[in-house]
PDB file of all heavy atoms in Angstrom:
ATOM      1  N   ILE A   1     107.157  91.027  97.168  1.00  0.00           N
ATOM      2  CA  ILE A   1     106.078  90.176  96.671  1.00  0.00           C
ATOM      3  C   ILE A   1     106.369  89.773  95.224  1.00  0.00           C
ATOM      4  O   ILE A   1     106.514  90.626  94.350  1.00  0.00           O
ATOM      5  CB  ILE A   1     104.714  90.895  96.738  1.00  0.00           C
ATOM      6  CG1 ILE A   1     104.427  91.349  98.174  1.00  0.00           C
ATOM      7  CG2 ILE A   1     103.601  89.971  96.230  1.00  0.00           C
ATOM      8  CD1 ILE A   1     103.191  92.225  98.292  1.00  0.00           C
ATOM      9  N   GLY A   2     106.474  88.473  94.999  1.00  0.00           N
ATOM     10  CA  GLY A   2     106.519  87.963  93.643  1.00  0.00           C
ATOM     11  C   GLY A   2     105.101  87.614  93.215  1.00  0.00           C
ATOM     12  O   GLY A   2     104.334  87.056  94.002  1.00  0.00           O
ATOM     13  N   TYR A   3     104.739  87.961  91.997  1.00  0.00           N
ATOM     14  CA  TYR A   3     103.342  87.752  91.594  1.00  0.00           C
ATOM     15  C   TYR A   3     103.255  87.432  90.099  1.00  0.00           C
ATOM     16  O   TYR A   3     104.186  87.663  89.327  1.00  0.00           O
ATOM     17  CB  TYR A   3     102.496  88.988  91.916  1.00  0.00           C
ATOM     18  CG  TYR A   3     102.901  90.237  91.151  1.00  0.00           C
ATOM     19  CD1 TYR A   3     102.371  90.534  89.908  1.00  0.00           C
ATOM     20  CD2 TYR A   3     103.836  91.118  91.685  1.00  0.00           C
ATOM     21  CE1 TYR A   3     102.747  91.669  89.214  1.00  0.00           C
ATOM     22  CE2 TYR A   3     104.230  92.257  91.006  1.00  0.00           C
ATOM     23  CZ  TYR A   3     103.679  92.523  89.758  1.00  0.00           C
ATOM     24  OH  TYR A   3     104.068  93.646  89.061  1.00  0.00           O
ATOM     25  N   TYR A   4     102.097  86.925  89.736  1.00  0.00           N
ATOM     26  CA  TYR A   4     101.784  86.621  88.345  1.00  0.00           C
ATOM     27  C   TYR A   4     100.669  87.537  87.881  1.00  0.00           C
ATOM     28  O   TYR A   4      99.674  87.733  88.594  1.00  0.00           O
ATOM     29  CB  TYR A   4     101.357  85.162  88.202  1.00  0.00           C
ATOM     30  CG  TYR A   4     100.839  84.781  86.836  1.00  0.00           C
ATOM     31  CD1 TYR A   4     101.694  84.651  85.752  1.00  0.00           C
ATOM     32  CD2 TYR A   4      99.481  84.546  86.634  1.00  0.00           C
ATOM     33  CE1 TYR A   4     101.219  84.300  84.495  1.00  0.00           C
ATOM     34  CE2 TYR A   4      98.991  84.179  85.385  1.00  0.00           C
ATOM     35  CZ  TYR A   4      99.867  84.060  84.322  1.00  0.00           C
ATOM     36  OH  TYR A   4      99.392  83.715  83.083  1.00  0.00           O
ATOM     37  N   SER A   5     100.838  88.126  86.695  1.00  0.00           N
ATOM     38  CA  SER A   5      99.816  88.992  86.108  1.00  0.00           C
ATOM     39  C   SER A   5      99.067  88.219  85.024  1.00  0.00           C
ATOM     40  O   SER A   5      99.639  87.882  83.991  1.00  0.00           O
ATOM     41  CB  SER A   5     100.460  90.248  85.511  1.00  0.00           C
ATOM     42  OG  SER A   5      99.501  91.018  84.812  1.00  0.00           O
ATOM     43  N   GLU A   6      97.803  87.950  85.296  1.00  0.00           N
ATOM     44  CA  GLU A   6      96.977  87.201  84.345  1.00  0.00           C
ATOM     45  C   GLU A   6      96.716  88.009  83.085  1.00  0.00           C
ATOM     46  O   GLU A   6      96.584  87.458  81.985  1.00  0.00           O
ATOM     47  CB  GLU A   6      95.656  86.811  84.995  1.00  0.00           C
ATOM     48  CG  GLU A   6      94.801  85.850  84.202  1.00  0.00           C
ATOM     49  CD  GLU A   6      95.318  84.423  84.258  1.00  0.00           C
ATOM     50  OE1 GLU A   6      95.647  83.949  85.355  1.00  0.00           O
ATOM     51  OE2 GLU A   6      95.383  83.778  83.188  1.00  0.00           O
ATOM     52  N   SER A   7      96.655  89.340  83.205  1.00  0.00           N
ATOM     53  CA  SER A   7      96.278  90.189  82.075  1.00  0.00           C
ATOM     54  C   SER A   7      97.309  90.145  80.957  1.00  0.00           C
ATOM     55  O   SER A   7      96.964  90.106  79.781  1.00  0.00           O
ATOM     56  CB  SER A   7      96.072  91.634  82.542  1.00  0.00           C
ATOM     57  OG  SER A   7      97.247  92.124  83.158  1.00  0.00           O
ATOM     58  N   ASP A   8      98.613  90.152  81.323  1.00  0.00           N
ATOM     59  CA  ASP A   8      99.629  90.084  80.274  1.00  0.00           C
ATOM     60  C   ASP A   8     100.513  88.843  80.403  1.00  0.00           C
ATOM     61  O   ASP A   8     101.558  88.745  79.778  1.00  0.00           O
ATOM     62  CB  ASP A   8     100.492  91.345  80.256  1.00  0.00           C
ATOM     63  CG  ASP A   8     101.163  91.622  81.587  1.00  0.00           C
ATOM     64  OD1 ASP A   8     101.083  90.744  82.476  1.00  0.00           O
ATOM     65  OD2 ASP A   8     101.762  92.685  81.733  1.00  0.00           O
ATOM     66  N   LYS A   9     100.088  87.907  81.256  1.00  0.00           N
ATOM     67  CA  LYS A   9     100.758  86.605  81.404  1.00  0.00           C
ATOM     68  C   LYS A   9     102.258  86.768  81.650  1.00  0.00           C
ATOM     69  O   LYS A   9     103.104  86.202  80.931  1.00  0.00           O
ATOM     70  CB  LYS A   9     100.488  85.717  80.181  1.00  0.00           C
ATOM     71  CG  LYS A   9      99.004  85.443  79.953  1.00  0.00           C
ATOM     72  CD  LYS A   9      98.771  84.454  78.843  1.00  0.00           C
ATOM     73  CE  LYS A   9      97.288  84.254  78.562  1.00  0.00           C
ATOM     74  NZ  LYS A   9      96.528  83.852  79.745  1.00  0.00           N
ATOM     75  N   SER A  10     102.576  87.540  82.674  1.00  0.00           N
ATOM     76  CA  SER A  10     103.974  87.826  82.973  1.00  0.00           C
ATOM     77  C   SER A  10     104.242  87.723  84.466  1.00  0.00           C
ATOM     78  O   SER A  10     103.325  87.793  85.290  1.00  0.00           O
ATOM     79  CB  SER A  10     104.351  89.227  82.475  1.00  0.00           C
ATOM     80  OG  SER A  10     103.637  90.214  83.212  1.00  0.00           O
ATOM     81  N   ALA A  11     105.522  87.565  84.809  1.00  0.00           N
ATOM     82  CA  ALA A  11     105.949  87.538  86.200  1.00  0.00           C
ATOM     83  C   ALA A  11     106.332  88.945  86.627  1.00  0.00           C
ATOM     84  O   ALA A  11     106.990  89.680  85.888  1.00  0.00           O
ATOM     85  CB  ALA A  11     107.137  86.593  86.375  1.00  0.00           C
ATOM     86  N   GLY A  12     105.927  89.330  87.839  1.00  0.00           N
ATOM     87  CA  GLY A  12     106.247  90.653  88.353  1.00  0.00           C
ATOM     88  C   GLY A  12     106.791  90.582  89.765  1.00  0.00           C
ATOM     89  O   GLY A  12     106.708  89.544  90.439  1.00  0.00           O
ATOM     90  N   TYR A  13     107.325  91.706  90.197  1.00  0.00           N
ATOM     91  CA  TYR A  13     107.945  91.775  91.521  1.00  0.00           C
ATOM     92  C   TYR A  13     107.681  93.158  92.118  1.00  0.00           C
ATOM     93  O   TYR A  13     107.882  94.184  91.461  1.00  0.00           O
ATOM     94  CB  TYR A  13     109.448  91.528  91.408  1.00  0.00           C
ATOM     95  CG  TYR A  13     110.145  91.264  92.721  1.00  0.00           C
ATOM     96  CD1 TYR A  13     110.005  90.036  93.357  1.00  0.00           C
ATOM     97  CD2 TYR A  13     110.949  92.223  93.322  1.00  0.00           C
ATOM     98  CE1 TYR A  13     110.655  89.767  94.551  1.00  0.00           C
ATOM     99  CE2 TYR A  13     111.607  91.967  94.516  1.00  0.00           C
ATOM    100  CZ  TYR A  13     111.449  90.737  95.131  1.00  0.00           C
ATOM    101  OH  TYR A  13     112.093  90.481  96.309  1.00  0.00           O
ATOM    102  N   TYR A  14     107.198  93.161  93.344  1.00  0.00           N
ATOM    103  CA  TYR A  14     106.837  94.404  94.022  1.00  0.00           C
ATOM    104  C   TYR A  14     107.633  94.533  95.314  1.00  0.00           C
ATOM    105  O   TYR A  14     107.778  93.558  96.063  1.00  0.00           O
ATOM    106  CB  TYR A  14     105.339  94.398  94.346  1.00  0.00           C
ATOM    107  CG  TYR A  14     104.870  95.532  95.224  1.00  0.00           C
ATOM    108  CD1 TYR A  14     104.516  96.768  94.671  1.00  0.00           C
ATOM    109  CD2 TYR A  14     104.769  95.369  96.607  1.00  0.00           C
ATOM    110  CE1 TYR A  14     104.071  97.798  95.486  1.00  0.00           C
ATOM    111  CE2 TYR A  14     104.328  96.405  97.415  1.00  0.00           C
ATOM    112  CZ  TYR A  14     103.983  97.615  96.856  1.00  0.00           C
ATOM    113  OH  TYR A  14     103.545  98.642  97.651  1.00  0.00           O
ATOM    114  N   VAL A  15     108.168  95.736  95.567  1.00  0.00           N
ATOM    115  CA  VAL A  15     108.862  96.033  96.810  1.00  0.00           C
ATOM    116  C   VAL A  15     108.098  97.126  97.535  1.00  0.00           C
ATOM    117  O   VAL A  15     107.791  98.170  96.954  1.00  0.00           O
ATOM    118  CB  VAL A  15     110.317  96.477  96.554  1.00  0.00           C
ATOM    119  CG1 VAL A  15     111.013  96.774  97.877  1.00  0.00           C
ATOM    120  CG2 VAL A  15     111.075  95.419  95.793  1.00  0.00           C
ATOM    121  N   GLU A  16     107.787  96.877  98.794  1.00  0.00           N
ATOM    122  CA  GLU A  16     107.040  97.849  99.583  1.00  0.00           C
ATOM    123  C   GLU A  16     107.808  99.168  99.662  1.00  0.00           C
ATOM    124  O   GLU A  16     109.001  99.177  99.991  1.00  0.00           O
ATOM    125  CB  GLU A  16     106.824  97.290 100.987  1.00  0.00           C
ATOM    126  CG  GLU A  16     106.000  98.177 101.890  1.00  0.00           C
ATOM    127  CD  GLU A  16     105.855  97.566 103.280  1.00  0.00           C
ATOM    128  OE1 GLU A  16     106.584  96.606 103.584  1.00  0.00           O
ATOM    129  OE2 GLU A  16     105.020  98.058 104.048  1.00  0.00           O
ATOM    130  N   PRO A  17     107.177 100.302  99.366  1.00  0.00           N
ATOM    131  CA  PRO A  17     107.865 101.593  99.477  1.00  0.00           C
ATOM    132  C   PRO A  17     108.381 101.827 100.893  1.00  0.00           C
ATOM    133  O   PRO A  17     107.749 101.423 101.864  1.00  0.00           O
ATOM    134  CB  PRO A  17     106.774 102.609  99.118  1.00  0.00           C
ATOM    135  CG  PRO A  17     105.789 101.839  98.316  1.00  0.00           C
ATOM    136  CD  PRO A  17     105.803 100.449  98.878  1.00  0.00           C
ATOM    137  N   HIS A  18     109.536 102.488 100.975  1.00  0.00           N
ATOM    138  CA  HIS A  18     110.157 102.719 102.269  1.00  0.00           C
ATOM    139  C   HIS A  18     109.801 104.098 102.807  1.00  0.00           C
ATOM    140  O   HIS A  18     109.470 105.006 102.061  1.00  0.00           O
ATOM    141  CB  HIS A  18     111.672 102.570 102.164  1.00  0.00           C
ATOM    142  CG  HIS A  18     112.262 101.877 103.339  1.00  0.00           C
ATOM    143  ND1 HIS A  18     112.141 102.354 104.609  1.00  0.00           N
ATOM    144  CD2 HIS A  18     112.932 100.715 103.451  1.00  0.00           C
ATOM    145  CE1 HIS A  18     112.746 101.534 105.447  1.00  0.00           C
ATOM    146  NE2 HIS A  18     113.235 100.520 104.766  1.00  0.00           N
ATOM    147  N   PHE A  19     109.884 104.230 104.114  1.00  0.00           N
ATOM    148  CA  PHE A  19     109.668 105.503 104.768  1.00  0.00           C
ATOM    149  C   PHE A  19     110.965 105.906 105.447  1.00  0.00           C
ATOM    150  O   PHE A  19     111.532 105.147 106.222  1.00  0.00           O
ATOM    151  CB  PHE A  19     108.549 105.395 105.802  1.00  0.00           C
ATOM    152  CG  PHE A  19     107.196 105.195 105.187  1.00  0.00           C
ATOM    153  CD1 PHE A  19     106.777 103.939 104.796  1.00  0.00           C
ATOM    154  CD2 PHE A  19     106.355 106.264 104.957  1.00  0.00           C
ATOM    155  CE1 PHE A  19     105.544 103.738 104.212  1.00  0.00           C
ATOM    156  CE2 PHE A  19     105.120 106.081 104.381  1.00  0.00           C
ATOM    157  CZ  PHE A  19     104.706 104.823 104.007  1.00  0.00           C
ATOM    158  N   LEU A  20     111.430 107.132 105.153  1.00  0.00           N
ATOM    159  CA  LEU A  20     112.699 107.612 105.679  1.00  0.00           C
ATOM    160  C   LEU A  20     112.454 108.506 106.892  1.00  0.00           C
ATOM    161  O   LEU A  20     111.760 109.507 106.802  1.00  0.00           O
ATOM    162  CB  LEU A  20     113.443 108.400 104.610  1.00  0.00           C
ATOM    163  CG  LEU A  20     114.729 109.110 105.041  1.00  0.00           C
ATOM    164  CD1 LEU A  20     115.734 108.089 105.546  1.00  0.00           C
ATOM    165  CD2 LEU A  20     115.313 109.893 103.891  1.00  0.00           C
ATOM    166  N   ASP A  21     112.994 108.126 108.028  1.00  0.00           N
ATOM    167  CA  ASP A  21     112.896 108.926 109.246  1.00  0.00           C
ATOM    168  C   ASP A  21     114.262 109.542 109.510  1.00  0.00           C
ATOM    169  O   ASP A  21     115.196 108.841 109.877  1.00  0.00           O
ATOM    170  CB  ASP A  21     112.456 108.026 110.413  1.00  0.00           C
ATOM    171  CG  ASP A  21     112.247 108.809 111.700  1.00  0.00           C
ATOM    172  OD1 ASP A  21     112.583 110.006 111.716  1.00  0.00           O
ATOM    173  OD2 ASP A  21     111.763 108.215 112.664  1.00  0.00           O
ATOM    174  N   TYR A  22     114.375 110.852 109.310  1.00  0.00           N
ATOM    175  CA  TYR A  22     115.663 111.485 109.526  1.00  0.00           C
ATOM    176  C   TYR A  22     115.659 112.367 110.774  1.00  0.00           C
ATOM    177  O   TYR A  22     116.473 113.273 110.915  1.00  0.00           O
ATOM    178  CB  TYR A  22     116.095 112.303 108.300  1.00  0.00           C
ATOM    179  CG  TYR A  22     115.155 113.402 107.884  1.00  0.00           C
ATOM    180  CD1 TYR A  22     115.221 114.671 108.464  1.00  0.00           C
ATOM    181  CD2 TYR A  22     114.206 113.191 106.903  1.00  0.00           C
ATOM    182  CE1 TYR A  22     114.366 115.679 108.075  1.00  0.00           C
ATOM    183  CE2 TYR A  22     113.340 114.186 106.518  1.00  0.00           C
ATOM    184  CZ  TYR A  22     113.431 115.435 107.099  1.00  0.00           C
ATOM    185  OH  TYR A  22     112.572 116.438 106.712  1.00  0.00           O
ATOM    186  N   SER A  23     114.712 112.124 111.696  1.00  0.00           N
ATOM    187  CA  SER A  23     114.746 112.847 112.962  1.00  0.00           C
ATOM    188  C   SER A  23     116.003 112.430 113.727  1.00  0.00           C
ATOM    189  O   SER A  23     116.442 111.285 113.620  1.00  0.00           O
ATOM    190  CB  SER A  23     113.502 112.540 113.791  1.00  0.00           C
ATOM    191  OG  SER A  23     113.382 111.157 114.011  1.00  0.00           O
ATOM    192  N   PRO A  24     116.623 113.354 114.505  1.00  0.00           N
ATOM    193  CA  PRO A  24     117.937 113.066 115.114  1.00  0.00           C
ATOM    194  C   PRO A  24     117.852 112.142 116.309  1.00  0.00           C
ATOM    195  O   PRO A  24     118.024 112.530 117.448  1.00  0.00           O
ATOM    196  CB  PRO A  24     118.438 114.462 115.515  1.00  0.00           C
ATOM    197  CG  PRO A  24     117.196 115.246 115.757  1.00  0.00           C
ATOM    198  CD  PRO A  24     116.186 114.729 114.776  1.00  0.00           C
ATOM    199  N   THR A  25     117.571 110.880 116.045  1.00  0.00           N
ATOM    200  CA  THR A  25     117.615 109.880 117.096  1.00  0.00           C
ATOM    201  C   THR A  25     118.889 109.080 116.927  1.00  0.00           C
ATOM    202  O   THR A  25     119.236 108.688 115.816  1.00  0.00           O
ATOM    203  CB  THR A  25     116.401 108.938 117.033  1.00  0.00           C
ATOM    204  OG1 THR A  25     116.329 108.379 115.718  1.00  0.00           O
ATOM    205  CG2 THR A  25     115.114 109.688 117.329  1.00  0.00           C
ATOM    206  N   LEU A  26     119.596 108.837 118.002  1.00  0.00           N
ATOM    207  CA  LEU A  26     120.914 108.240 117.916  1.00  0.00           C
ATOM    208  C   LEU A  26     120.915 106.735 118.139  1.00  0.00           C
ATOM    209  O   LEU A  26     121.946 106.097 118.012  1.00  0.00           O
ATOM    210  CB  LEU A  26     121.844 108.900 118.949  1.00  0.00           C
ATOM    211  CG  LEU A  26     122.006 110.413 118.789  1.00  0.00           C
ATOM    212  CD1 LEU A  26     122.922 110.954 119.885  1.00  0.00           C
ATOM    213  CD2 LEU A  26     122.567 110.768 117.418  1.00  0.00           C
ATOM    214  N   ASP A  27     119.767 106.179 118.498  1.00  0.00           N
ATOM    215  CA  ASP A  27     119.742 104.762 118.844  1.00  0.00           C
ATOM    216  C   ASP A  27     119.137 103.898 117.752  1.00  0.00           C
ATOM    217  O   ASP A  27     118.799 102.758 117.983  1.00  0.00           O
ATOM    218  CB  ASP A  27     118.972 104.544 120.148  1.00  0.00           C
ATOM    219  CG  ASP A  27     117.531 105.022 120.029  1.00  0.00           C
ATOM    220  OD1 ASP A  27     117.209 105.676 119.028  1.00  0.00           O
ATOM    221  OD2 ASP A  27     116.734 104.756 120.959  1.00  0.00           O
ATOM    222  N   SER A  28     118.973 104.435 116.559  1.00  0.00           N
ATOM    223  CA  SER A  28     118.307 103.678 115.500  1.00  0.00           C
ATOM    224  C   SER A  28     119.251 102.734 114.771  1.00  0.00           C
ATOM    225  O   SER A  28     118.819 101.885 114.017  1.00  0.00           O
ATOM    226  CB  SER A  28     117.656 104.634 114.496  1.00  0.00           C
ATOM    227  OG  SER A  28     118.637 105.467 113.927  1.00  0.00           O
ATOM    228  N   GLY A  29     120.576 102.915 114.977  1.00  0.00           N
ATOM    229  CA  GLY A  29     121.517 102.028 114.293  1.00  0.00           C
ATOM    230  C   GLY A  29     121.366 102.116 112.796  1.00  0.00           C
ATOM    231  O   GLY A  29     121.217 103.194 112.242  1.00  0.00           O
ATOM    232  N   ASN A  30     121.393 100.976 112.139  1.00  0.00           N
ATOM    233  CA  ASN A  30     121.238 100.948 110.695  1.00  0.00           C
ATOM    234  C   ASN A  30     119.859 100.480 110.273  1.00  0.00           C
ATOM    235  O   ASN A  30     119.671 100.054 109.147  1.00  0.00           O
ATOM    236  CB  ASN A  30     122.299 100.034 110.072  1.00  0.00           C
ATOM    237  CG  ASN A  30     123.682 100.635 110.153  1.00  0.00           C
ATOM    238  OD1 ASN A  30     123.824 101.842 110.001  1.00  0.00           O
ATOM    239  ND2 ASN A  30     124.681  99.808 110.401  1.00  0.00           N
ATOM    240  N   ASP A  31     118.904 100.552 111.176  1.00  0.00           N
ATOM    241  CA  ASP A  31     117.559 100.064 110.880  1.00  0.00           C
ATOM    242  C   ASP A  31     116.632 101.249 110.650  1.00  0.00           C
ATOM    243  O   ASP A  31     116.186 101.891 111.586  1.00  0.00           O
ATOM    244  CB  ASP A  31     117.039  99.222 112.052  1.00  0.00           C
ATOM    245  CG  ASP A  31     115.696  98.586 111.739  1.00  0.00           C
ATOM    246  OD1 ASP A  31     115.113  98.941 110.692  1.00  0.00           O
ATOM    247  OD2 ASP A  31     115.238  97.760 112.521  1.00  0.00           O
ATOM    248  N   PRO A  32     116.333 101.598 109.410  1.00  0.00           N
ATOM    249  CA  PRO A  32     115.518 102.778 109.142  1.00  0.00           C
ATOM    250  C   PRO A  32     114.068 102.621 109.523  1.00  0.00           C
ATOM    251  O   PRO A  32     113.306 103.570 109.453  1.00  0.00           O
ATOM    252  CB  PRO A  32     115.667 102.962 107.621  1.00  0.00           C
ATOM    253  CG  PRO A  32     115.952 101.598 107.121  1.00  0.00           C
ATOM    254  CD  PRO A  32     116.762 100.929 108.189  1.00  0.00           C
ATOM    255  N   LEU A  33     113.644 101.415 109.942  1.00  0.00           N
ATOM    256  CA  LEU A  33     112.250 101.240 110.349  1.00  0.00           C
ATOM    257  C   LEU A  33     112.056 101.411 111.847  1.00  0.00           C
ATOM    258  O   LEU A  33     110.938 101.329 112.329  1.00  0.00           O
ATOM    259  CB  LEU A  33     111.768  99.835 109.948  1.00  0.00           C
ATOM    260  CG  LEU A  33     111.441  99.627 108.473  1.00  0.00           C
ATOM    261  CD1 LEU A  33     110.964  98.220 108.254  1.00  0.00           C
ATOM    262  CD2 LEU A  33     110.396 100.612 108.011  1.00  0.00           C
ATOM    263  N   SER A  34     113.114 101.675 112.585  1.00  0.00           N
ATOM    264  CA  SER A  34     113.004 101.626 114.028  1.00  0.00           C
ATOM    265  C   SER A  34     112.094 102.703 114.600  1.00  0.00           C
ATOM    266  O   SER A  34     111.574 102.555 115.690  1.00  0.00           O
ATOM    267  CB  SER A  34     114.393 101.749 114.669  1.00  0.00           C
ATOM    268  OG  SER A  34     114.988 102.976 114.300  1.00  0.00           O
ATOM    269  N   ASN A  35     111.872 103.780 113.865  1.00  0.00           N
ATOM    270  CA  ASN A  35     111.054 104.873 114.389  1.00  0.00           C
ATOM    271  C   ASN A  35     109.794 105.103 113.576  1.00  0.00           C
ATOM    272  O   ASN A  35     109.190 106.165 113.658  1.00  0.00           O
ATOM    273  CB  ASN A  35     111.882 106.157 114.428  1.00  0.00           C
ATOM    274  CG  ASN A  35     113.064 106.041 115.373  1.00  0.00           C
ATOM    275  OD1 ASN A  35     112.886 105.658 116.511  1.00  0.00           O
ATOM    276  ND2 ASN A  35     114.245 106.344 114.877  1.00  0.00           N
ATOM    277  N   THR A  36     109.403 104.182 112.760  1.00  0.00           N
ATOM    278  CA  THR A  36     108.217 104.362 111.949  1.00  0.00           C
ATOM    279  C   THR A  36     107.061 103.583 112.535  1.00  0.00           C
ATOM    280  O   THR A  36     107.199 102.812 113.478  1.00  0.00           O
ATOM    281  CB  THR A  36     108.460 103.888 110.512  1.00  0.00           C
ATOM    282  OG1 THR A  36     108.492 102.462 110.509  1.00  0.00           O
ATOM    283  CG2 THR A  36     109.761 104.423 109.933  1.00  0.00           C
ATOM    284  N   LEU A  37     105.900 103.784 111.926  1.00  0.00           N
ATOM    285  CA  LEU A  37     104.705 103.076 112.378  1.00  0.00           C
ATOM    286  C   LEU A  37     104.545 101.729 111.696  1.00  0.00           C
ATOM    287  O   LEU A  37     103.617 100.993 112.007  1.00  0.00           O
ATOM    288  CB  LEU A  37     103.452 103.937 112.111  1.00  0.00           C
ATOM    289  CG  LEU A  37     103.336 105.183 112.970  1.00  0.00           C
ATOM    290  CD1 LEU A  37     102.091 105.964 112.581  1.00  0.00           C
ATOM    291  CD2 LEU A  37     103.276 104.825 114.443  1.00  0.00           C
TER     292      LEU A  37
END
């Protein structure tokens, strides 16, 4: 998310926090979201 802050008149950038699933599933490939909600 790119955003503008009116309070300090600046440009900001937000990245959604990630969730790490390290349960031993072998079909997730390189997609860490495949087993999350």
